[in-house]
Amino acid sequence: MPNIKSANKRVRIIAAKTARNQALRSALRTQIKKALVAVETNAEDKDLQVRTAIKKIDQAVAKGILHKDNAAREKSALAKKLGA
């Protein structure tokens, strides 16, 4: 544990940001899995699930949680499975 007041504050801020990022990343992964399951089972709302997953991916890129190339690869894979 740091002794300096500003270092203590940074530790608290980083912990809060880490928790927020983990929650967003978890929600993103959950939505991607839902979309993949919908596509594989040929559910009637598969288009909506994929669109929602792509929106979550774009939001994660905007917040700096995902790299843009990683996001492009994820979106491409979803679109490819949806079109197949």
Protein backbone atom coordinates (compact mmCIF):
# COMPACT_ATOMS: atom_id res chain seq x y z
CA MET A 1 0.00 0.00 0.00
CA PRO A 2 1.42 3.40 -0.92
CA ASN A 3 2.12 5.97 1.78
CA ILE A 4 1.63 9.08 -0.35
CA LYS A 5 -1.87 10.54 -0.49
CA SER A 6 -1.93 10.99 -4.27
CA ALA A 7 -0.64 7.44 -4.83
CA ASN A 8 -3.39 6.13 -2.55
CA LYS A 9 -5.96 7.99 -4.62
CA ARG A 10 -4.53 6.56 -7.86
CA VAL A 11 -4.86 3.04 -6.42
CA ARG A 12 -8.54 3.67 -5.65
CA ILE A 13 -9.19 5.20 -9.08
CA ILE A 14 -7.48 2.33 -10.90
CA ALA A 15 -9.49 -0.21 -8.89
CA ALA A 16 -12.74 1.50 -9.87
CA LYS A 17 -11.76 1.69 -13.54
CA THR A 18 -10.66 -1.95 -13.53
CA ALA A 19 -14.00 -3.05 -12.06
CA ARG A 20 -15.92 -1.01 -14.64
CA ASN A 21 -13.84 -2.38 -17.52
CA GLN A 22 -14.25 -5.97 -16.31
CA ALA A 23 -18.03 -5.53 -16.13
CA LEU A 24 -18.18 -4.08 -19.64
CA ARG A 25 -15.89 -6.79 -21.03
CA SER A 26 -18.00 -9.49 -19.39
CA ALA A 27 -21.22 -8.04 -20.83
CA LEU A 28 -19.56 -7.88 -24.24
CA ARG A 29 -18.47 -11.52 -24.13
CA THR A 30 -21.93 -12.59 -22.95
CA GLN A 31 -23.60 -10.79 -25.85
CA ILE A 32 -21.17 -12.30 -28.37
CA LYS A 33 -21.93 -15.78 -27.01
CA LYS A 34 -25.68 -15.10 -27.20
CA ALA A 35 -25.30 -14.03 -30.83
CA LEU A 36 -23.25 -17.12 -31.70
CA VAL A 37 -25.79 -19.43 -30.06
CA ALA A 38 -28.65 -17.67 -31.87
CA VAL A 39 -26.88 -18.11 -35.22
CA GLU A 40 -25.98 -21.75 -34.58
CA THR A 41 -29.50 -22.69 -33.46
CA ASN A 42 -31.02 -20.60 -36.29
CA ALA A 43 -33.15 -18.62 -33.84
CA GLU A 44 -35.64 -16.18 -35.30
CA ASP A 45 -34.00 -13.21 -33.52
CA LYS A 46 -30.48 -14.02 -34.72
CA ASP A 47 -30.23 -10.78 -36.75
CA LEU A 48 -31.11 -8.71 -33.69
CA GLN A 49 -28.62 -10.61 -31.50
CA VAL A 50 -25.80 -10.11 -34.01
CA ARG A 51 -26.62 -6.39 -34.42
CA THR A 52 -26.62 -5.98 -30.64
CA ALA A 53 -23.28 -7.78 -30.35
CA ILE A 54 -21.75 -5.58 -33.04
CA LYS A 55 -23.03 -2.48 -31.25
CA LYS A 56 -21.47 -3.69 -27.97
CA ILE A 57 -18.18 -4.35 -29.77
CA ASP A 58 -18.18 -0.82 -31.19
CA GLN A 59 -18.92 0.63 -27.74
CA ALA A 60 -16.04 -1.36 -26.25
CA VAL A 61 -13.68 0.06 -28.89
CA ALA A 62 -14.88 3.59 -28.12
CA LYS A 63 -14.17 3.06 -24.42
CA GLY A 64 -10.76 1.56 -25.08
CA ILE A 65 -11.61 -1.93 -23.85
CA LEU A 66 -10.97 -3.62 -27.21
CA HIS A 67 -8.47 -2.83 -29.90
CA LYS A 68 -10.04 -1.77 -33.19
CA ASP A 69 -8.43 -4.64 -35.12
CA ASN A 70 -9.69 -7.17 -32.59
CA ALA A 71 -13.16 -5.65 -32.91
CA ALA A 72 -13.02 -5.83 -36.69
CA ARG A 73 -12.07 -9.51 -36.50
CA GLU A 74 -14.92 -10.25 -34.05
CA LYS A 75 -17.48 -8.40 -36.19
CA SER A 76 -16.26 -10.10 -39.34
CA ALA A 77 -16.56 -13.53 -37.77
CA LEU A 78 -20.11 -12.79 -36.56
CA ALA A 79 -21.16 -11.52 -39.97
CA LYS A 80 -19.60 -14.51 -41.70
CA LYS A 81 -21.44 -16.97 -39.44
CA LEU A 82 -24.70 -15.07 -39.90
CA GLY A 83 -24.35 -15.14 -43.68
CA ALA A 84 -23.36 -18.81 -43.88
